[in-house]
């Protein structure tokens, strides 16, 4: 299950960087949960060809994340924003300022 969630997240962030055909196959495999046989029939290629295409897309998307780090940055920003929200309730201005600076660093 965790792998599918990761694949979906990678596709959400970087899927537009795949070719149109790669996008279609990958989305059908990950989001629509089609089997290799169903995909092979739909796209007119072998099950092995579909498997290779999905594996290739996985690799490409992971490489984008390694190079660009958008998902990791988003996680850090969300964590910092949540901490800021919690601290704002306590009105600790010095700590709120530090967290705000951390958020700004992440989005710069």
Protein backbone atom coordinates (compact mmCIF):
# COMPACT_ATOMS: atom_id res chain seq x y z
CA UNK A 1 0.00 0.00 0.00
CA UNK A 2 2.80 2.42 0.89
CA UNK A 3 4.40 1.96 -2.54
CA UNK A 4 1.15 2.85 -4.29
CA UNK A 5 0.78 5.98 -2.16
CA UNK A 6 4.37 6.99 -2.99
CA UNK A 7 3.79 6.33 -6.70
CA UNK A 8 0.62 8.41 -6.62
CA UNK A 9 2.38 11.27 -4.87
CA UNK A 10 5.30 11.18 -7.32
CA UNK A 11 2.85 11.15 -10.22
CA UNK A 12 0.91 14.09 -8.76
CA UNK A 13 4.07 16.18 -8.54
CA UNK A 14 6.01 15.11 -11.62
CA UNK A 15 3.60 13.22 -13.87
CA UNK A 16 3.31 16.15 -16.29
CA UNK A 17 7.01 15.67 -17.07
CA UNK A 18 6.35 12.21 -18.52
CA UNK A 19 5.34 11.76 -22.15
CA UNK A 20 1.61 11.68 -22.82
CA UNK A 21 1.69 7.91 -23.39
CA UNK A 22 3.71 7.33 -20.23
CA UNK A 23 1.21 9.44 -18.30
CA UNK A 24 -1.72 7.42 -19.63
CA UNK A 25 -0.17 4.04 -18.90
CA UNK A 26 1.14 5.04 -15.48
CA UNK A 27 -2.13 6.63 -14.43
CA UNK A 28 -4.10 3.57 -15.54
CA UNK A 29 -1.71 1.32 -13.63
CA UNK A 30 -1.47 3.38 -10.44
CA UNK A 31 -4.67 5.39 -10.13
CA UNK A 32 -7.09 3.12 -11.99
CA UNK A 33 -5.44 -0.09 -10.74
CA UNK A 34 -5.57 -1.88 -14.10
CA UNK A 35 -3.67 -5.17 -14.34
CA UNK A 36 -0.75 -5.72 -16.70
CA UNK A 37 -3.04 -7.80 -18.91
CA UNK A 38 -5.69 -5.09 -19.06
CA UNK A 39 -3.06 -2.46 -19.83
CA UNK A 40 -1.45 -4.62 -22.49
CA UNK A 41 -4.79 -5.13 -24.20
CA UNK A 42 -5.69 -1.44 -23.96
CA UNK A 43 -2.38 -0.17 -25.34
CA UNK A 44 -1.64 -2.99 -27.75
CA UNK A 45 1.70 -3.99 -26.28
CA UNK A 46 2.92 -7.00 -24.32
CA UNK A 47 2.54 -7.42 -20.58
CA UNK A 48 6.34 -7.26 -20.37
CA UNK A 49 6.30 -3.99 -22.31
CA UNK A 50 3.78 -2.56 -19.86
CA UNK A 51 5.82 -3.78 -16.91
CA UNK A 52 8.96 -2.17 -18.35
CA UNK A 53 7.11 1.09 -19.03
CA UNK A 54 5.80 1.28 -15.44
CA UNK A 55 9.23 0.45 -14.05
CA UNK A 56 10.80 3.12 -16.28
CA UNK A 57 8.24 5.70 -15.14
CA UNK A 58 8.88 4.81 -11.48
CA UNK A 59 12.58 5.37 -12.03
CA UNK A 60 12.08 8.66 -13.86
CA UNK A 61 9.73 10.02 -11.19
CA UNK A 62 12.06 9.02 -8.34
CA UNK A 63 14.96 10.71 -10.14
CA UNK A 64 12.93 13.92 -10.44
CA UNK A 65 12.29 13.84 -6.70
CA UNK A 66 15.96 13.17 -5.97
CA UNK A 67 17.00 16.14 -8.12
CA UNK A 68 14.19 18.59 -7.34
CA UNK A 69 13.03 17.48 -3.90
CA UNK A 70 9.57 19.04 -4.22
CA UNK A 71 7.82 16.39 -2.14
CA UNK A 72 10.38 16.58 0.66
CA UNK A 73 10.22 20.38 0.67
CA UNK A 74 6.44 20.24 0.80
CA UNK A 75 6.57 17.90 3.79
CA UNK A 76 8.96 20.23 5.62
CA UNK A 77 6.82 23.26 4.87
CA UNK A 78 3.68 21.50 6.05
CA UNK A 79 5.41 20.39 9.25
CA UNK A 80 6.70 23.90 9.93
CA UNK A 81 3.33 25.46 9.17
CA UNK A 82 1.61 23.05 11.55
CA UNK A 83 4.10 23.91 14.28
CA UNK A 84 3.53 27.61 13.60
CA UNK A 85 -0.20 27.14 13.88
CA UNK A 86 0.15 25.34 17.21
CA UNK A 87 2.52 27.95 18.58
CA UNK A 88 0.40 30.84 17.45
CA UNK A 89 -2.25 29.60 19.86
CA UNK A 90 0.33 29.87 22.65
CA UNK A 91 1.42 33.35 21.41
CA UNK A 92 5.12 32.64 21.69
CA UNK A 93 6.27 35.35 19.29
CA UNK A 94 9.99 34.50 19.32
CA UNK A 95 9.35 30.88 18.46
CA UNK A 96 6.69 31.83 15.91
CA UNK A 97 9.22 34.12 14.23
CA UNK A 98 11.82 31.30 14.07
CA UNK A 99 9.34 28.92 12.46
CA UNK A 100 8.20 31.58 10.01
CA UNK A 101 11.86 32.04 9.01
CA UNK A 102 12.16 28.28 8.50
CA UNK A 103 9.13 28.32 6.21
CA UNK A 104 10.56 31.19 4.20
CA UNK A 105 13.86 29.34 3.81
CA UNK A 106 12.04 26.29 2.46
CA UNK A 107 10.11 28.17 -0.18
CA UNK A 108 13.04 30.30 -1.33
